Amino acid sequence: MNEKENKGMNVLLIMTDQHRSDCLGCMGHKHIHTPNIDRIAREGVVFENAFCQSPVCMASRGSLFTGRYPSAIRIRGMGILPPQETTFPEILRRNGYHTGAFGKVHLTPEQYTLKQLKSDIPILDWRKFASDAVISPIPDDPFKNNYGFETEVGYEDILHGNFNAWLRKRKPELLERKPERFSADGPSDLWVSPYPSEFHPTTFIASEAESYILSQRDAPSPWMTFCSFVAPHHPFEAPQDQLDRYDRKSIPDALLKGGVDKSSVPPRLTDAWNTSAWDKYPDEIRHRIIWHYLASISLVDDGVGRLLSALERSGQMDNTIIIFTSDHGEHLGNHGMLKKDSIHYDETLRVPLIISVPGATGGRRVKGLVEMTDLHPTLLGLLEIPINPGVQGIDWSVQLRNGGEIARDDIYSDMFDLTPQKFGKFKCPYSATQTLRTEKWKLNIYPTAGQQYGQLFDLENDPDESRNLYADPNSRSVREVMLWKMNSRVHRNTDPLPLYLTQF
């Protein structure tokens, strides 16, 4: 056994934001350019049906990092992750790992950081938010600092301080460039990036992670690198050189897939849908939105190529687990919608998930249902580190190594009502939604809005979720079974901590 094997397996976790699972070459997209991510897929395991536990950034990321459901970790949509929770970076640090985060972590609130804390650099120190968030303090623990990340260079949607410092050293004249809205007929966040690929924030994030990987080459301890891109999250922007990689005429238009039955969703969600309705934009604008979205992913793929090259140049490829995923998806015109909200179509719940493990058989595709809660325990299982108490996900590490069946009976996802808090005006489109999805059926209900609202889809005969059977008398028995299964899942998702200590 050589020195690298002695020091343990490294982990490279690559994450995108608001990335549909079907927008990768390895997931069947015929026009997107993602050769580096596709390479990970060829050498690893592709999960074709991986689902997030909430289609919004903070709840999904908190769930992924802890292996627990948003209700258990008390993140109701866009809430801060309580410091009492245990993340896998924390566990890896306790087991001798160096841990670095580069890009968008987003376990703490951006708007508060910028407006109340007056910082344009992301802050992961929960103590800065404790008073206003009413967070109970915990004893000082160095392994819990910054949620387990020993090194962090942040960049988030509106927190650009680290990127600006990086750009100032390399191309300061670009700091004065401002994006120009493409057209008054389109959304306000559609433009060509003022930064070419070489100096784009996506490249900044990749280069910082690349430097960290190279710096760990001769380290005596293993490392975990979290490289988290903001793209392809809106704004819909991409450098012109990335847009030029595409034959725009070949890019397919979005499929409406039946649209939204407005009578089946609460008025608050109907209002939100109206503000992001796809059909209010001209054909040229809609086509350009898709074009920019795909080009943003191609720039991410270039960054992934840098990371893979760094592993190869430093001789660490054969000793590194590589994971590629996203926090949630994007409607991108499907069902006549843009971005994401509390109408839980698969376009926002299904996420890309690829895991490549050195020594394991590659090229496998898993069709069974999995949740992002499963990533935390599976990663620990692959590293042969005991799983911490309270984890609710499933450890699939044995099946990953031996080729065994990987499949859940169902997946659960939810969103909570977000009400006005202490700061700012309430404009959030998110409201309470619960989703239970099996291989054949999917149920959405709105638990605070009334029993008349809901969607029931026969996925076997209607995979596009175009025909809502919720109020169909012929589907009543299926709806009742799905409601019972959902109630069962909600019950089983209850926080298992504190552990059960009794004589019974």
Protein backbone atom coordinates (compact mmCIF):
# COMPACT_ATOMS: atom_id res chain seq x y z
CA MET A 1 0.00 0.00 0.00
CA ASN A 2 1.51 3.33 -1.06
CA GLU A 3 1.57 6.60 0.86
CA LYS A 4 -1.55 7.99 -0.87
CA GLU A 5 -3.54 4.89 0.06
CA ASN A 6 -2.32 5.21 3.63
CA LYS A 7 -3.62 8.74 3.96
CA GLY A 8 -7.19 7.86 3.00
CA MET A 9 -9.49 8.68 0.10
CA ASN A 10 -9.97 12.32 -0.96
CA VAL A 11 -13.40 13.78 -1.82
CA LEU A 12 -14.23 16.28 -4.54
CA LEU A 13 -17.85 17.41 -4.36
CA ILE A 14 -18.88 19.58 -7.32
CA MET A 15 -22.23 21.34 -7.12
CA THR A 16 -24.17 23.55 -9.49
CA ASP A 17 -27.22 25.65 -8.62
CA GLN A 18 -30.67 25.33 -10.20
CA HIS A 19 -29.42 22.73 -12.68
CA ARG A 20 -31.98 20.49 -14.37
CA SER A 21 -30.98 16.85 -14.44
CA ASP A 22 -31.60 16.55 -18.17
CA CYS A 23 -29.21 19.36 -19.11
CA LEU A 24 -26.11 17.19 -19.42
CA GLY A 25 -24.83 15.16 -22.32
CA CYS A 26 -24.73 12.04 -20.15
CA MET A 27 -28.42 12.55 -19.34
CA GLY A 28 -29.43 12.58 -22.97
CA HIS A 29 -29.34 16.26 -23.93
CA LYS A 30 -28.38 16.29 -27.62
CA HIS A 31 -27.10 19.86 -27.86
CA ILE A 32 -25.34 20.80 -24.63
CA HIS A 33 -21.52 20.75 -24.41
CA THR A 34 -20.50 18.95 -21.19
CA PRO A 35 -17.60 16.62 -22.11
CA ASN A 36 -15.88 16.80 -18.71
CA ILE A 37 -18.97 16.04 -16.65
CA ASP A 38 -19.79 13.30 -19.15
CA ARG A 39 -16.35 11.84 -18.50
CA ILE A 40 -17.15 11.55 -14.78
CA ALA A 41 -20.36 9.78 -15.80
CA ARG A 42 -18.50 7.29 -18.00
CA GLU A 43 -16.13 6.45 -15.15
CA GLY A 44 -18.72 6.54 -12.38
CA VAL A 45 -22.36 5.84 -11.53
CA VAL A 46 -25.16 8.00 -12.95
CA PHE A 47 -28.31 8.28 -10.84
CA GLU A 48 -31.11 8.99 -13.30
CA ASN A 49 -33.75 9.60 -10.62
CA ALA A 50 -32.16 11.61 -7.81
CA PHE A 51 -34.46 14.09 -6.08
CA CYS A 52 -33.84 17.03 -3.76
CA GLN A 53 -35.81 17.44 -0.54
CA SER A 54 -36.79 21.03 -1.24
CA PRO A 55 -36.56 22.92 -4.54
CA VAL A 56 -34.90 25.96 -3.00
CA CYS A 57 -31.24 26.53 -2.19
CA MET A 58 -30.85 26.70 1.59
CA ALA A 59 -33.23 23.91 2.62
CA SER A 60 -31.85 21.60 -0.06
CA ARG A 61 -28.21 22.28 0.81
CA GLY A 62 -28.82 21.90 4.53
CA SER A 63 -30.53 18.57 3.90
CA LEU A 64 -27.72 17.37 1.64
CA PHE A 65 -24.96 18.34 4.07
CA THR A 66 -26.64 16.69 7.07
CA GLY A 67 -28.50 13.73 5.56
CA ARG A 68 -31.63 14.97 7.32
CA TYR A 69 -34.95 16.41 6.18
CA PRO A 70 -35.59 20.17 6.14
CA SER A 71 -38.20 19.79 8.89
CA ALA A 72 -35.72 17.95 11.12
CA ILE A 73 -32.96 20.52 10.67
CA ARG A 74 -35.48 23.37 10.99
CA ILE A 75 -34.78 25.03 7.66
CA ARG A 76 -38.12 26.21 6.32
CA GLY A 77 -37.11 27.12 2.80
CA MET A 78 -34.47 29.83 3.06
CA GLY A 79 -33.50 29.51 6.75
CA ILE A 80 -30.07 29.32 8.35
CA LEU A 81 -28.65 25.90 9.28
CA PRO A 82 -28.59 25.67 13.10
CA PRO A 83 -25.06 25.05 14.43
CA GLN A 84 -26.27 22.05 16.45
CA GLU A 85 -26.59 20.13 13.19
CA THR A 86 -23.74 17.88 12.06
CA THR A 87 -22.46 18.27 8.50
CA PHE A 88 -20.25 15.80 6.69
CA PRO A 89 -17.41 18.39 6.38
CA GLU A 90 -17.46 18.53 10.18
CA ILE A 91 -17.28 14.75 10.44
CA LEU A 92 -14.44 14.60 7.92
CA ARG A 93 -12.49 17.22 9.88
CA ARG A 94 -12.91 15.15 13.04
CA ASN A 95 -11.43 12.25 11.09
CA GLY A 96 -8.31 14.13 10.04
CA TYR A 97 -9.42 15.66 6.75
CA HIS A 98 -8.58 19.10 5.45
CA THR A 99 -11.81 20.68 4.20
CA GLY A 100 -12.18 23.55 1.75
CA ALA A 101 -15.24 25.29 0.28
CA PHE A 102 -15.08 27.42 -2.84
CA GLY A 103 -18.06 29.30 -4.22
CA LYS A 104 -21.64 29.09 -3.01
CA VAL A 105 -22.12 27.34 0.33
CA HIS A 106 -25.35 29.21 1.22
CA LEU A 107 -26.08 27.82 4.67
CA THR A 108 -26.39 31.40 5.95
CA PRO A 109 -28.55 34.24 4.51
CA GLU A 110 -27.13 36.42 1.74
CA GLN A 111 -29.42 39.44 2.02
CA TYR A 112 -28.84 39.68 5.77
CA THR A 113 -25.08 39.36 5.26
CA LEU A 114 -25.08 42.22 2.75
CA LYS A 115 -27.62 44.56 4.31
CA GLN A 116 -27.40 43.96 8.05
CA LEU A 117 -23.80 42.77 8.43
CA LYS A 118 -22.56 45.10 5.65
CA SER A 119 -20.37 42.40 4.13
CA ASP A 120 -20.05 41.59 0.43
CA ILE A 121 -18.19 38.40 1.38
CA PRO A 122 -20.18 35.33 2.52
CA ILE A 123 -20.03 34.66 6.27
CA LEU A 124 -20.38 31.10 7.60
CA ASP A 125 -19.97 32.00 11.28
CA TRP A 126 -23.41 31.28 12.75
CA ARG A 127 -22.69 33.59 15.69
CA LYS A 128 -23.04 36.62 13.42
CA PHE A 129 -26.68 35.71 12.85
CA ALA A 130 -27.52 34.24 16.26
CA SER A 131 -29.31 37.15 17.90
CA ASP A 132 -31.75 38.05 15.14
CA ALA A 133 -32.29 34.43 14.09
CA VAL A 134 -32.85 33.40 17.74
CA ILE A 135 -30.26 30.64 17.52
CA SER A 136 -29.41 28.82 20.73
CA PRO A 137 -25.67 28.96 21.37
CA ILE A 138 -23.49 25.85 21.42
CA PRO A 139 -20.16 25.25 23.21
CA ASP A 140 -17.14 26.39 21.27
CA ASP A 141 -15.96 23.57 19.02
CA PRO A 142 -13.29 24.21 16.35
CA PHE A 143 -14.60 21.36 14.21
CA LYS A 144 -17.99 23.08 13.99
CA ASN A 145 -16.59 26.43 12.96
CA ASN A 146 -17.94 27.45 9.55
CA TYR A 147 -19.99 24.21 9.42
CA GLY A 148 -16.81 22.16 9.23
CA PHE A 149 -14.96 24.04 6.51
CA GLU A 150 -11.38 24.76 7.49
CA THR A 151 -10.78 26.91 4.39
CA GLU A 152 -13.46 28.93 2.60
CA VAL A 153 -13.43 31.34 -0.34
CA GLY A 154 -17.04 32.28 -0.88
CA TYR A 155 -18.96 33.70 -3.80
CA GLU A 156 -22.74 33.84 -3.78
CA ASP A 157 -25.52 35.41 -5.83
CA ILE A 158 -25.09 38.93 -4.39
CA LEU A 159 -21.88 38.51 -2.33
CA HIS A 160 -19.04 39.15 -4.79
CA GLY A 161 -16.27 40.55 -2.59
CA ASN A 162 -13.81 37.68 -3.02
CA PHE A 163 -14.35 37.61 -6.78
CA ASN A 164 -13.86 41.37 -7.05
CA ALA A 165 -10.53 41.08 -5.21
CA TRP A 166 -9.47 38.24 -7.55
CA LEU A 167 -10.49 40.21 -10.64
CA ARG A 168 -8.77 43.38 -9.42
CA LYS A 169 -5.43 41.55 -9.53
CA ARG A 170 -5.97 40.08 -12.98
CA LYS A 171 -8.15 42.39 -15.06
CA PRO A 172 -9.13 45.47 -13.02
CA GLU A 173 -10.71 47.27 -15.97
CA LEU A 174 -13.47 44.65 -15.99
CA LEU A 175 -14.62 45.78 -12.56
CA GLU A 176 -16.26 48.80 -14.14
CA ARG A 177 -18.29 46.75 -16.61
CA LYS A 178 -21.98 46.48 -15.88
CA PRO A 179 -24.40 44.03 -17.46
CA GLU A 180 -26.92 45.42 -19.92
CA ARG A 181 -30.40 43.94 -19.99
CA PHE A 182 -30.84 42.16 -23.29
CA SER A 183 -34.30 43.50 -24.06
CA ALA A 184 -37.14 45.29 -22.37
CA ASP A 185 -39.34 42.51 -23.73
CA GLY A 186 -37.48 39.92 -21.67
CA PRO A 187 -36.81 39.30 -17.99
CA SER A 188 -34.70 41.88 -16.19
CA ASP A 189 -32.03 39.24 -15.47
CA LEU A 190 -31.25 38.20 -19.06
CA TRP A 191 -27.97 39.53 -20.47
CA VAL A 192 -24.63 38.64 -21.99
CA SER A 193 -22.04 38.47 -19.23
CA PRO A 194 -19.72 41.48 -19.02
CA TYR A 195 -16.92 39.00 -18.24
CA PRO A 196 -15.31 36.70 -20.80
CA SER A 197 -14.91 33.09 -19.70
CA GLU A 198 -11.32 33.60 -18.52
CA PHE A 199 -12.46 36.19 -15.97
CA HIS A 200 -15.97 34.98 -15.19
CA PRO A 201 -17.09 34.15 -11.60
CA THR A 202 -17.49 30.50 -12.64
CA THR A 203 -13.82 30.41 -13.61
CA PHE A 204 -12.89 32.17 -10.36
CA ILE A 205 -14.62 29.46 -8.32
CA ALA A 206 -13.01 26.66 -10.33
CA SER A 207 -9.53 28.20 -10.13
CA GLU A 208 -9.73 28.59 -6.34
CA ALA A 209 -10.76 24.95 -5.94
CA GLU A 210 -8.07 23.92 -8.41
CA SER A 211 -5.38 25.72 -6.39
CA TYR A 212 -6.56 24.05 -3.21
CA ILE A 213 -6.42 20.59 -4.77
CA LEU A 214 -2.90 21.19 -6.04
CA SER A 215 -1.81 22.53 -2.65
CA GLN A 216 -2.87 19.27 -0.98
CA ARG A 217 -0.73 17.07 -3.22
CA ASP A 218 1.91 16.28 -0.60
CA ALA A 219 -0.24 16.79 2.48
CA PRO A 220 -0.09 13.88 4.96
CA SER A 221 -3.88 13.99 5.48
CA PRO A 222 -6.73 13.46 3.02
CA TRP A 223 -8.87 16.37 1.86
CA MET A 224 -12.42 17.23 0.95
CA THR A 225 -13.01 20.00 -1.60
CA PHE A 226 -16.46 21.52 -2.12
CA CYS A 227 -16.53 23.40 -5.45
CA SER A 228 -19.93 25.04 -5.71
CA PHE A 229 -20.86 27.05 -8.78
CA VAL A 230 -23.63 29.67 -8.81
CA ALA A 231 -24.42 28.86 -12.46
CA PRO A 232 -26.76 28.07 -14.09
CA HIS A 233 -28.95 29.84 -11.49
CA HIS A 234 -30.45 33.05 -12.82
CA PRO A 235 -29.52 35.68 -13.91
CA PHE A 236 -29.51 34.06 -17.33
CA GLU A 237 -26.07 35.21 -18.35
CA ALA A 238 -23.16 33.62 -20.12
CA PRO A 239 -20.02 35.00 -21.77
CA GLN A 240 -20.26 35.64 -25.48
CA ASP A 241 -17.49 33.11 -26.15
CA GLN A 242 -19.62 30.41 -24.51
CA LEU A 243 -22.73 31.44 -26.44
CA ASP A 244 -20.70 31.21 -29.63
CA ARG A 245 -20.06 27.50 -28.99
CA TYR A 246 -23.69 26.79 -29.85
CA ASP A 247 -25.60 26.68 -33.09
CA ARG A 248 -28.50 28.67 -31.77
CA LYS A 249 -30.88 27.34 -34.40
CA SER A 250 -30.35 23.80 -33.14
CA ILE A 251 -31.39 24.57 -29.56
CA PRO A 252 -34.86 23.11 -28.97
CA ASP A 253 -37.73 25.16 -27.59
CA ALA A 254 -39.26 24.33 -24.22
CA LEU A 255 -42.17 21.92 -24.04
CA LEU A 256 -45.24 23.36 -22.30
CA LYS A 257 -46.30 19.87 -21.15
CA GLY A 258 -49.87 20.86 -20.56
CA GLY A 259 -49.24 24.01 -18.57
CA VAL A 260 -50.60 24.64 -15.08
CA ASP A 261 -54.19 24.00 -14.04
CA LYS A 262 -54.65 27.20 -12.02
CA SER A 263 -57.67 25.83 -10.16
CA SER A 264 -55.43 23.13 -8.64
CA VAL A 265 -52.99 25.50 -6.89
CA PRO A 266 -53.53 28.11 -4.15
CA PRO A 267 -54.00 31.75 -5.24
CA ARG A 268 -50.61 32.73 -3.85
CA LEU A 269 -48.92 30.29 -6.18
CA THR A 270 -51.09 31.40 -9.09
CA ASP A 271 -49.85 34.94 -8.50
CA ALA A 272 -46.26 33.72 -8.42
CA TRP A 273 -46.82 31.74 -11.60
CA ASN A 274 -48.17 34.85 -13.34
CA THR A 275 -44.98 36.79 -12.55
CA SER A 276 -42.79 34.09 -14.10
CA ALA A 277 -45.10 32.99 -16.90
CA TRP A 278 -43.18 31.77 -19.93
CA ASP A 279 -45.76 32.81 -22.51
CA LYS A 280 -45.47 36.52 -21.77
CA TYR A 281 -42.09 36.59 -23.53
CA PRO A 282 -41.61 36.64 -27.33
CA ASP A 283 -40.20 33.54 -29.02
CA GLU A 284 -36.79 35.17 -29.48
CA ILE A 285 -36.50 35.90 -25.75
CA ARG A 286 -37.59 32.43 -24.70
CA HIS A 287 -35.09 30.85 -27.05
CA ARG A 288 -32.33 33.11 -25.77
CA ILE A 289 -33.07 32.20 -22.13
CA ILE A 290 -32.54 28.53 -22.94
CA TRP A 291 -29.41 29.37 -24.95
CA HIS A 292 -27.88 31.34 -22.06
CA TYR A 293 -28.79 28.61 -19.59
CA LEU A 294 -27.05 25.91 -21.62
CA ALA A 295 -24.00 28.10 -22.26
CA SER A 296 -23.65 28.77 -18.52
CA ILE A 297 -23.52 25.02 -17.92
CA SER A 298 -20.83 24.66 -20.58
CA LEU A 299 -18.68 27.20 -18.74
CA VAL A 300 -19.18 25.15 -15.56
CA ASP A 301 -18.04 22.10 -17.52
CA ASP A 302 -14.85 23.95 -18.46
CA GLY A 303 -14.30 24.52 -14.74
CA VAL A 304 -14.86 20.83 -14.05
CA GLY A 305 -12.21 20.11 -16.66
CA ARG A 306 -9.75 22.23 -14.69
CA LEU A 307 -10.47 20.23 -11.55
CA LEU A 308 -10.00 16.90 -13.30
CA SER A 309 -6.76 18.16 -14.81
CA ALA A 310 -5.55 19.25 -11.37
CA LEU A 311 -6.23 15.76 -10.01
CA GLU A 312 -4.30 14.19 -12.87
CA ARG A 313 -1.36 16.62 -12.74
CA SER A 314 -0.98 16.11 -9.01
CA GLY A 315 -1.32 12.33 -9.16
CA GLN A 316 -4.47 12.30 -7.02
CA MET A 317 -7.08 11.09 -9.53
CA ASP A 318 -6.84 7.45 -8.45
CA ASN A 319 -7.36 8.37 -4.82
CA THR A 320 -10.31 10.76 -5.07
CA ILE A 321 -14.05 10.17 -4.92
CA ILE A 322 -15.75 12.60 -7.32
CA ILE A 323 -19.38 13.64 -6.88
CA PHE A 324 -21.31 15.92 -9.21
CA THR A 325 -24.77 17.19 -8.26
CA SER A 326 -27.01 20.24 -7.87
CA ASP A 327 -29.29 21.62 -5.17
CA HIS A 328 -32.49 21.77 -7.28
CA GLY A 329 -33.72 22.19 -10.83
CA GLU A 330 -35.33 24.80 -13.08
CA HIS A 331 -38.57 24.87 -15.05
CA LEU A 332 -36.96 26.61 -18.07
CA GLY A 333 -40.27 27.03 -19.84
CA ASN A 334 -41.73 23.59 -19.13
CA HIS A 335 -45.35 23.82 -17.98
CA GLY A 336 -45.22 27.49 -19.07
CA MET A 337 -43.02 28.42 -16.09
CA LEU A 338 -39.58 29.92 -15.48
CA LYS A 339 -37.15 29.47 -12.57
CA LYS A 340 -38.57 27.54 -9.61
CA ASP A 341 -41.37 27.86 -7.08
CA SER A 342 -43.66 25.75 -4.93
CA ILE A 343 -45.34 23.89 -7.80
CA HIS A 344 -43.29 20.71 -7.57
CA TYR A 345 -42.89 19.43 -11.08
CA ASP A 346 -40.01 17.03 -11.66
CA GLU A 347 -38.08 19.72 -13.51
CA THR A 348 -37.37 21.43 -10.17
CA LEU A 349 -37.11 18.34 -7.94
CA ARG A 350 -34.94 16.01 -10.03
CA VAL A 351 -31.24 16.83 -9.92
CA PRO A 352 -28.10 15.47 -11.59
CA LEU A 353 -26.14 13.04 -9.42
CA ILE A 354 -22.96 11.26 -10.49
CA ILE A 355 -20.58 9.43 -8.14
CA SER A 356 -17.21 8.13 -9.28
CA VAL A 357 -15.34 5.89 -6.83
CA PRO A 358 -11.79 4.72 -7.57
CA GLY A 359 -11.69 0.96 -7.95
CA ALA A 360 -15.46 0.61 -8.42
CA THR A 361 -16.99 -0.43 -11.72
CA GLY A 362 -17.84 2.61 -13.82
CA GLY A 363 -20.35 3.25 -16.53
CA ARG A 364 -23.31 2.14 -14.44
CA ARG A 365 -26.70 3.84 -14.57
CA VAL A 366 -29.13 3.61 -11.64
CA LYS A 367 -32.79 4.08 -12.49
CA GLY A 368 -34.11 3.61 -8.95
CA LEU A 369 -35.33 6.54 -6.84
CA VAL A 370 -32.81 8.14 -4.47
CA GLU A 371 -32.89 11.24 -2.30
CA MET A 372 -30.21 13.83 -1.69
CA THR A 373 -30.46 12.93 2.00
CA ASP A 374 -28.73 9.71 0.95
CA LEU A 375 -25.51 11.45 -0.10
CA HIS A 376 -24.28 12.18 3.44
CA PRO A 377 -24.46 8.58 4.76
CA THR A 378 -23.33 7.09 1.43
CA LEU A 379 -20.21 9.25 1.39
CA LEU A 380 -19.37 8.29 4.96
CA GLY A 381 -19.96 4.66 4.07
CA LEU A 382 -17.59 4.88 1.11
CA LEU A 383 -14.95 6.36 3.42
CA GLU A 384 -15.64 3.73 6.11
CA ILE A 385 -16.42 6.44 8.66
CA PRO A 386 -19.24 5.69 11.16
CA ILE A 387 -22.47 7.49 10.37
CA ASN A 388 -23.45 10.02 13.02
CA PRO A 389 -26.71 9.68 14.99
CA GLY A 390 -29.78 11.39 13.57
CA VAL A 391 -29.04 10.79 9.89
CA GLN A 392 -32.24 9.98 7.98
CA GLY A 393 -30.81 9.16 4.53
CA ILE A 394 -29.88 5.69 3.28
CA ASP A 395 -26.27 4.50 2.94
CA TRP A 396 -25.89 3.02 -0.56
CA SER A 397 -22.10 2.58 -0.35
CA VAL A 398 -22.16 -1.24 -0.34
CA GLN A 399 -24.42 -1.33 -3.40
CA LEU A 400 -22.19 1.20 -5.13
CA ARG A 401 -19.18 -1.02 -4.65
CA ASN A 402 -20.76 -4.40 -5.39
CA GLY A 403 -23.33 -3.43 -8.01
CA GLY A 404 -26.36 -4.18 -5.82
CA GLU A 405 -29.82 -2.72 -6.35
CA ILE A 406 -30.26 0.93 -5.40
CA ALA A 407 -33.88 2.06 -5.17
CA ARG A 408 -36.21 3.72 -2.67
CA ASP A 409 -39.92 2.97 -2.60
CA ASP A 410 -40.66 6.70 -2.77
CA ILE A 411 -39.15 10.14 -2.34
CA TYR A 412 -40.40 13.03 -0.23
CA SER A 413 -39.93 16.75 -0.78
CA ASP A 414 -41.52 19.79 0.79
CA MET A 415 -41.64 23.54 1.18
CA PHE A 416 -42.91 25.66 4.05
CA ASP A 417 -44.97 28.83 4.16
CA LEU A 418 -42.55 31.71 4.33
CA THR A 419 -44.02 34.65 6.22
CA PRO A 420 -42.67 38.20 6.73
CA GLN A 421 -39.80 38.25 9.17
CA LYS A 422 -37.85 41.04 10.87
CA PHE A 423 -36.14 42.48 7.83
CA GLY A 424 -37.29 43.64 4.43
CA LYS A 425 -40.52 43.24 2.50
CA PHE A 426 -42.13 39.90 1.84
CA LYS A 427 -42.06 39.06 -1.87
CA CYS A 428 -41.22 35.38 -1.70
CA PRO A 429 -43.24 33.05 -3.98
CA TYR A 430 -42.74 29.97 -1.79
CA SER A 431 -45.57 28.43 0.19
CA ALA A 432 -46.33 25.15 1.91
CA THR A 433 -46.16 22.18 -0.45
CA GLN A 434 -45.67 18.46 0.19
CA THR A 435 -44.69 15.96 -2.47
CA LEU A 436 -44.63 12.19 -2.45
CA ARG A 437 -43.33 10.50 -5.60
CA THR A 438 -43.17 6.79 -6.35
CA GLU A 439 -41.98 5.21 -9.58
CA LYS A 440 -45.54 5.28 -10.95
CA TRP A 441 -47.38 8.09 -9.15
CA LYS A 442 -46.79 11.59 -7.84
CA LEU A 443 -48.87 13.61 -5.38
CA ASN A 444 -48.55 17.31 -4.52
CA ILE A 445 -50.68 18.83 -1.79
CA TYR A 446 -50.79 22.27 -0.17
CA PRO A 447 -51.33 21.57 3.53
CA THR A 448 -52.13 25.14 4.64
CA ALA A 449 -54.28 26.14 1.66
CA GLY A 450 -57.19 23.70 1.54
CA GLN A 451 -57.94 20.16 0.44
CA GLN A 452 -59.30 21.31 -2.93
CA TYR A 453 -55.78 22.08 -4.11
CA GLY A 454 -53.42 19.40 -5.37
CA GLN A 455 -51.92 17.47 -8.24
CA LEU A 456 -51.92 13.74 -8.88
CA PHE A 457 -49.97 12.45 -11.87
CA ASP A 458 -49.87 8.98 -13.40
CA LEU A 459 -46.14 8.98 -14.24
CA GLU A 460 -46.29 5.65 -16.01
CA ASN A 461 -48.74 6.92 -18.64
CA ASP A 462 -48.09 10.65 -18.26
CA PRO A 463 -44.36 11.19 -17.56
CA ASP A 464 -44.65 14.88 -18.55
CA GLU A 465 -47.11 15.53 -15.69
CA SER A 466 -49.60 17.05 -18.14
CA ARG A 467 -52.87 15.56 -16.85
CA ASN A 468 -53.82 16.34 -13.27
CA LEU A 469 -55.95 13.51 -11.85
CA TYR A 470 -56.31 14.93 -8.34
CA ALA A 471 -60.04 15.63 -8.71
CA ASP A 472 -60.73 12.72 -11.04
CA PRO A 473 -63.32 10.41 -9.41
CA ASN A 474 -61.75 7.41 -11.15
CA SER A 475 -58.44 8.14 -9.39
CA ARG A 476 -59.88 8.59 -5.91
CA SER A 477 -58.57 5.28 -4.57
CA VAL A 478 -55.04 6.02 -5.82
CA ARG A 479 -55.19 9.49 -4.28
CA GLU A 480 -56.21 8.05 -0.91
CA VAL A 481 -53.36 5.52 -0.99
CA MET A 482 -50.88 8.25 -1.88
CA LEU A 483 -52.21 10.50 0.88
CA TRP A 484 -51.76 7.68 3.37
CA LYS A 485 -48.21 7.03 2.13
CA MET A 486 -47.42 10.73 2.40
CA ASN A 487 -48.71 10.83 5.96
CA SER A 488 -46.56 7.81 6.72
CA ARG A 489 -43.49 9.54 5.29
CA VAL A 490 -44.12 12.72 7.26
CA HIS A 491 -44.37 10.62 10.41
CA ARG A 492 -41.18 8.70 9.63
CA ASN A 493 -39.33 11.91 8.71
CA THR A 494 -39.69 13.18 12.28
CA ASP A 495 -36.32 13.98 13.85
CA PRO A 496 -34.96 10.75 15.42
CA LEU A 497 -32.94 12.76 17.93
CA PRO A 498 -32.66 12.51 20.87
CA LEU A 499 -32.17 8.76 20.67
CA TYR A 500 -34.68 6.39 22.19
CA LEU A 501 -33.57 5.41 25.71
CA THR A 502 -36.06 3.29 27.62
CA GLN A 503 -36.77 -0.24 28.72
CA PHE A 504 -39.51 -0.80 26.11
